[in-house]
Structures are given as C-alpha cells and as structure tokens.
Amino acid sequence: MVRRLRNPVGNYRLLYGAVLLPYTLISYGVFALTGSGAAFLTPLPASPELLDGVLSQFITFLAAGCIWLVSYLPTVRGFREVRDLELATSTAISMLR
C-alpha cells in the first residue's frame, strides 16, 4: 500500500517512526515488566547483583531490538521496489550500516 502513495520513501520513514518505534518501545516495556531478561539469566551461575541487573536490562534491550528488526525486514522489499534496486534482501540488509 505504501508503494502506491505519492512519496513512498517518506511514508516508509513515517511508518518506522509512527508504528515500528512505538511497537518496539511497548515490547521493551512488556519484556521489562515481565522480567524476561532475568529469566534468561537463571541458568547462569550466581553473579553480583549489579552485574545481574545490567545483564538483565541488556538482554531485555536486545530482545526489543530483535522485535524492531523483525518488524523492519518486510519493508526492505518494498523499499527496494520503490527505488528500483536489484538486490537480494540479505545484501540490502547488510548495506544498511
């Protein structure tokens, strides 16, 4: 649907900011409230409490980043089509750096 609009590149950017960013922030909040980061650390040997907290937050942030990437990947194909690029999805993603 975005590809049919007058300014598809700008609308993709709007999609990232208006949909994907809030979705990622909500998923981070859900992960943090449920304590999923700490749940991943349970099988590890005992460590200092500060290190445990930092690792827990890092894992939660990493999980939210994965949600962002998974949500972002379907738009790569549409973005390539809008700009008439003949690249494989893997190549297009690796060029995003």
N, C-alpha and C. Protein backbone atom coordinates (compact mmCIF):
# COMPACT_ATOMS: atom_id res chain seq x y z
N MET A 1 0.82 -1.18 0.00
CA MET A 1 0.00 0.00 0.00
C MET A 1 0.87 1.25 0.00
N VAL A 2 1.95 1.24 0.74
CA VAL A 2 2.83 2.41 0.83
C VAL A 2 3.46 2.70 -0.53
N ARG A 3 3.73 1.65 -1.31
CA ARG A 3 4.38 1.85 -2.61
C ARG A 3 3.50 2.63 -3.58
N ARG A 4 2.18 2.59 -3.40
CA ARG A 4 1.28 3.28 -4.32
C ARG A 4 1.13 4.77 -4.01
N LEU A 5 1.58 5.20 -2.86
CA LEU A 5 1.43 6.59 -2.46
C LEU A 5 2.41 7.49 -3.22
N ARG A 6 2.17 8.79 -3.15
CA ARG A 6 2.96 9.75 -3.92
C ARG A 6 4.42 9.79 -3.48
N ASN A 7 4.69 9.77 -2.19
CA ASN A 7 6.05 9.82 -1.68
C ASN A 7 6.31 8.57 -0.83
N PRO A 8 6.56 7.44 -1.48
CA PRO A 8 6.68 6.20 -0.71
C PRO A 8 7.86 6.17 0.25
N VAL A 9 8.98 6.77 -0.10
CA VAL A 9 10.16 6.74 0.78
C VAL A 9 9.86 7.51 2.06
N GLY A 10 9.27 8.68 1.94
CA GLY A 10 8.88 9.45 3.11
C GLY A 10 7.84 8.74 3.95
N ASN A 11 6.93 8.04 3.30
CA ASN A 11 5.90 7.30 4.03
C ASN A 11 6.48 6.08 4.73
N TYR A 12 7.50 5.46 4.15
CA TYR A 12 8.18 4.38 4.85
C TYR A 12 8.84 4.91 6.12
N ARG A 13 9.46 6.07 6.03
CA ARG A 13 10.08 6.66 7.21
C ARG A 13 9.03 7.01 8.27
N LEU A 14 7.88 7.48 7.82
CA LEU A 14 6.78 7.75 8.74
C LEU A 14 6.29 6.46 9.40
N LEU A 15 6.25 5.38 8.62
CA LEU A 15 5.87 4.08 9.17
C LEU A 15 6.85 3.64 10.24
N TYR A 16 8.14 3.85 10.01
CA TYR A 16 9.14 3.47 11.01
C TYR A 16 8.94 4.25 12.30
N GLY A 17 8.72 5.56 12.18
CA GLY A 17 8.60 6.40 13.36
C GLY A 17 7.26 6.28 14.07
N ALA A 18 6.18 6.12 13.30
CA ALA A 18 4.85 6.13 13.89
C ALA A 18 4.36 4.74 14.30
N VAL A 19 4.90 3.70 13.70
CA VAL A 19 4.42 2.35 14.02
C VAL A 19 5.51 1.50 14.65
N LEU A 20 6.64 1.38 13.99
CA LEU A 20 7.67 0.46 14.47
C LEU A 20 8.33 0.92 15.76
N LEU A 21 8.61 2.19 15.89
CA LEU A 21 9.26 2.68 17.11
C LEU A 21 8.36 2.50 18.34
N PRO A 22 7.09 2.93 18.29
CA PRO A 22 6.22 2.68 19.45
C PRO A 22 6.04 1.19 19.74
N TYR A 23 5.93 0.38 18.70
CA TYR A 23 5.79 -1.07 18.88
C TYR A 23 7.01 -1.64 19.59
N THR A 24 8.18 -1.16 19.24
CA THR A 24 9.40 -1.62 19.88
C THR A 24 9.46 -1.16 21.33
N LEU A 25 9.08 0.09 21.59
CA LEU A 25 9.07 0.59 22.97
C LEU A 25 8.07 -0.16 23.85
N ILE A 26 6.92 -0.47 23.29
CA ILE A 26 5.92 -1.24 24.04
C ILE A 26 6.45 -2.64 24.33
N SER A 27 7.10 -3.25 23.34
CA SER A 27 7.64 -4.59 23.57
C SER A 27 8.74 -4.55 24.63
N TYR A 28 9.56 -3.50 24.63
CA TYR A 28 10.57 -3.36 25.67
C TYR A 28 9.92 -3.25 27.05
N GLY A 29 8.86 -2.46 27.12
CA GLY A 29 8.14 -2.31 28.39
C GLY A 29 7.55 -3.63 28.87
N VAL A 30 6.97 -4.37 27.95
CA VAL A 30 6.39 -5.67 28.32
C VAL A 30 7.48 -6.63 28.79
N PHE A 31 8.60 -6.66 28.05
CA PHE A 31 9.70 -7.53 28.45
C PHE A 31 10.25 -7.13 29.83
N ALA A 32 10.36 -5.82 30.07
CA ALA A 32 10.90 -5.35 31.35
C ALA A 32 9.94 -5.65 32.50
N LEU A 33 8.63 -5.46 32.26
CA LEU A 33 7.65 -5.72 33.32
C LEU A 33 7.52 -7.20 33.65
N THR A 34 7.69 -8.05 32.66
CA THR A 34 7.56 -9.49 32.91
C THR A 34 8.85 -10.10 33.43
N GLY A 35 9.94 -9.35 33.38
CA GLY A 35 11.20 -9.86 33.89
C GLY A 35 11.82 -10.92 33.01
N SER A 36 11.60 -10.82 31.72
CA SER A 36 12.12 -11.85 30.81
C SER A 36 13.65 -11.83 30.74
N GLY A 37 14.27 -10.68 30.93
CA GLY A 37 15.73 -10.62 30.92
C GLY A 37 16.32 -11.41 32.07
N ALA A 38 15.71 -11.28 33.24
CA ALA A 38 16.18 -12.03 34.41
C ALA A 38 15.92 -13.52 34.25
N ALA A 39 14.86 -13.86 33.54
CA ALA A 39 14.54 -15.28 33.33
C ALA A 39 15.61 -15.96 32.49
N PHE A 40 16.21 -15.24 31.56
CA PHE A 40 17.27 -15.82 30.75
C PHE A 40 18.56 -16.02 31.55
N LEU A 41 18.71 -15.26 32.62
CA LEU A 41 19.93 -15.35 33.43
C LEU A 41 19.87 -16.43 34.50
N THR A 42 18.71 -17.02 34.74
CA THR A 42 18.58 -18.00 35.82
C THR A 42 19.50 -19.21 35.67
N PRO A 43 19.72 -19.75 34.48
CA PRO A 43 20.61 -20.91 34.40
C PRO A 43 22.09 -20.58 34.62
N LEU A 44 22.46 -19.31 34.60
CA LEU A 44 23.85 -18.94 34.79
C LEU A 44 24.25 -19.03 36.26
N PRO A 45 25.54 -19.23 36.52
CA PRO A 45 25.98 -19.27 37.92
C PRO A 45 25.75 -17.91 38.60
N ALA A 46 25.72 -17.93 39.91
CA ALA A 46 25.48 -16.71 40.69
C ALA A 46 26.53 -15.65 40.38
N SER A 47 26.06 -14.42 40.24
CA SER A 47 26.95 -13.29 39.96
C SER A 47 26.53 -12.12 40.84
N PRO A 48 27.36 -11.09 40.94
CA PRO A 48 26.99 -9.93 41.76
C PRO A 48 25.67 -9.32 41.30
N GLU A 49 24.95 -8.73 42.24
CA GLU A 49 23.61 -8.20 41.95
C GLU A 49 23.64 -7.09 40.90
N LEU A 50 24.66 -6.24 40.93
CA LEU A 50 24.77 -5.15 39.96
C LEU A 50 24.96 -5.72 38.55
N LEU A 51 25.83 -6.68 38.43
CA LEU A 51 26.07 -7.31 37.12
C LEU A 51 24.81 -8.02 36.63
N ASP A 52 24.09 -8.64 37.56
CA ASP A 52 22.84 -9.30 37.21
C ASP A 52 21.83 -8.31 36.64
N GLY A 53 21.71 -7.15 37.27
CA GLY A 53 20.77 -6.13 36.80
C GLY A 53 21.16 -5.58 35.44
N VAL A 54 22.44 -5.32 35.24
CA VAL A 54 22.92 -4.79 33.96
C VAL A 54 22.70 -5.80 32.85
N LEU A 55 23.05 -7.06 33.11
CA LEU A 55 22.85 -8.11 32.10
C LEU A 55 21.37 -8.32 31.78
N SER A 56 20.54 -8.25 32.79
CA SER A 56 19.11 -8.40 32.61
C SER A 56 18.55 -7.30 31.71
N GLN A 57 18.95 -6.05 31.96
CA GLN A 57 18.48 -4.94 31.13
C GLN A 57 19.03 -5.04 29.70
N PHE A 58 20.27 -5.49 29.58
CA PHE A 58 20.86 -5.65 28.25
C PHE A 58 20.11 -6.70 27.45
N ILE A 59 19.77 -7.81 28.07
CA ILE A 59 19.03 -8.86 27.37
C ILE A 59 17.64 -8.37 26.99
N THR A 60 17.01 -7.61 27.86
CA THR A 60 15.69 -7.05 27.55
C THR A 60 15.79 -6.08 26.37
N PHE A 61 16.80 -5.23 26.38
CA PHE A 61 17.01 -4.28 25.28
C PHE A 61 17.31 -5.02 23.98
N LEU A 62 18.10 -6.08 24.05
CA LEU A 62 18.42 -6.89 22.88
C LEU A 62 17.18 -7.55 22.31
N ALA A 63 16.30 -8.04 23.17
CA ALA A 63 15.06 -8.65 22.71
C ALA A 63 14.18 -7.63 22.00
N ALA A 64 14.10 -6.41 22.53
CA ALA A 64 13.31 -5.36 21.89
C ALA A 64 13.95 -4.97 20.55
N GLY A 65 15.27 -4.98 20.47
CA GLY A 65 15.95 -4.71 19.20
C GLY A 65 15.64 -5.77 18.16
N CYS A 66 15.52 -7.00 18.59
CA CYS A 66 15.15 -8.08 17.66
C CYS A 66 13.73 -7.88 17.15
N ILE A 67 12.83 -7.40 18.02
CA ILE A 67 11.47 -7.09 17.59
C ILE A 67 11.50 -6.01 16.51
N TRP A 68 12.33 -4.99 16.69
CA TRP A 68 12.47 -3.92 15.70
C TRP A 68 12.93 -4.49 14.36
N LEU A 69 13.96 -5.33 14.39
CA LEU A 69 14.49 -5.88 13.15
C LEU A 69 13.49 -6.77 12.44
N VAL A 70 12.80 -7.60 13.18
CA VAL A 70 11.81 -8.49 12.57
C VAL A 70 10.67 -7.67 11.97
N SER A 71 10.30 -6.58 12.62
CA SER A 71 9.24 -5.71 12.09
C SER A 71 9.73 -4.93 10.88
N TYR A 72 11.01 -4.62 10.84
CA TYR A 72 11.58 -3.80 9.78
C TYR A 72 11.82 -4.60 8.49
N LEU A 73 12.16 -5.86 8.61
CA LEU A 73 12.55 -6.66 7.45
C LEU A 73 11.53 -6.68 6.31
N PRO A 74 10.22 -6.80 6.56
CA PRO A 74 9.28 -6.81 5.43
C PRO A 74 9.28 -5.52 4.61
N THR A 75 9.69 -4.41 5.22
CA THR A 75 9.69 -3.16 4.47
C THR A 75 10.88 -3.04 3.52
N VAL A 76 11.91 -3.86 3.73
CA VAL A 76 13.10 -3.80 2.86
C VAL A 76 12.71 -4.11 1.43
N ARG A 77 11.89 -5.12 1.25
CA ARG A 77 11.46 -5.50 -0.11
C ARG A 77 10.70 -4.36 -0.79
N GLY A 78 9.80 -3.72 -0.06
CA GLY A 78 9.05 -2.60 -0.63
C GLY A 78 9.94 -1.42 -0.92
N PHE A 79 10.89 -1.15 -0.05
CA PHE A 79 11.82 -0.04 -0.25
C PHE A 79 12.67 -0.28 -1.49
N ARG A 80 13.13 -1.52 -1.68
CA ARG A 80 13.92 -1.84 -2.88
C ARG A 80 13.09 -1.65 -4.13
N GLU A 81 11.83 -2.05 -4.09
CA GLU A 81 10.96 -1.93 -5.25
C GLU A 81 10.69 -0.47 -5.60
N VAL A 82 10.53 0.37 -4.59
CA VAL A 82 10.28 1.80 -4.81
C VAL A 82 11.47 2.45 -5.49
N ARG A 83 12.66 2.08 -5.07
CA ARG A 83 13.88 2.68 -5.62
C ARG A 83 14.45 1.91 -6.81
N ASP A 84 13.75 0.89 -7.29
CA ASP A 84 14.17 0.07 -8.42
C ASP A 84 15.57 -0.50 -8.24
N LEU A 85 15.80 -1.13 -7.12
CA LEU A 85 17.09 -1.76 -6.84
C LEU A 85 16.98 -3.26 -7.09
N GLU A 86 17.98 -3.82 -7.74
CA GLU A 86 18.02 -5.26 -7.99
C GLU A 86 19.00 -5.90 -7.03
N LEU A 87 18.60 -6.02 -5.78
CA LEU A 87 19.45 -6.62 -4.75
C LEU A 87 18.68 -7.70 -4.02
N ALA A 88 19.41 -8.68 -3.53
CA ALA A 88 18.79 -9.67 -2.66
C ALA A 88 18.51 -9.02 -1.31
N THR A 89 17.57 -9.54 -0.58
CA THR A 89 17.22 -8.97 0.73
C THR A 89 18.41 -8.98 1.67
N SER A 90 19.16 -10.07 1.66
CA SER A 90 20.33 -10.16 2.55
C SER A 90 21.36 -9.09 2.23
N THR A 91 21.56 -8.82 0.94
CA THR A 91 22.53 -7.78 0.53
C THR A 91 22.01 -6.40 0.92
N ALA A 92 20.71 -6.17 0.73
CA ALA A 92 20.12 -4.88 1.09
C ALA A 92 20.22 -4.64 2.59
N ILE A 93 20.03 -5.67 3.37
CA ILE A 93 20.10 -5.51 4.83
C ILE A 93 21.54 -5.25 5.26
N SER A 94 22.49 -5.93 4.65
CA SER A 94 23.88 -5.73 5.03
C SER A 94 24.38 -4.35 4.64
N MET A 95 23.73 -3.70 3.67
CA MET A 95 24.14 -2.36 3.23
C MET A 95 23.53 -1.28 4.11
N LEU A 96 22.68 -1.62 5.07
CA LEU A 96 22.02 -0.63 5.90
C LEU A 96 22.95 0.02 6.91
N ARG A 97 24.09 -0.52 7.10
CA ARG A 97 25.02 0.03 8.09
C ARG A 97 25.31 1.41 7.79
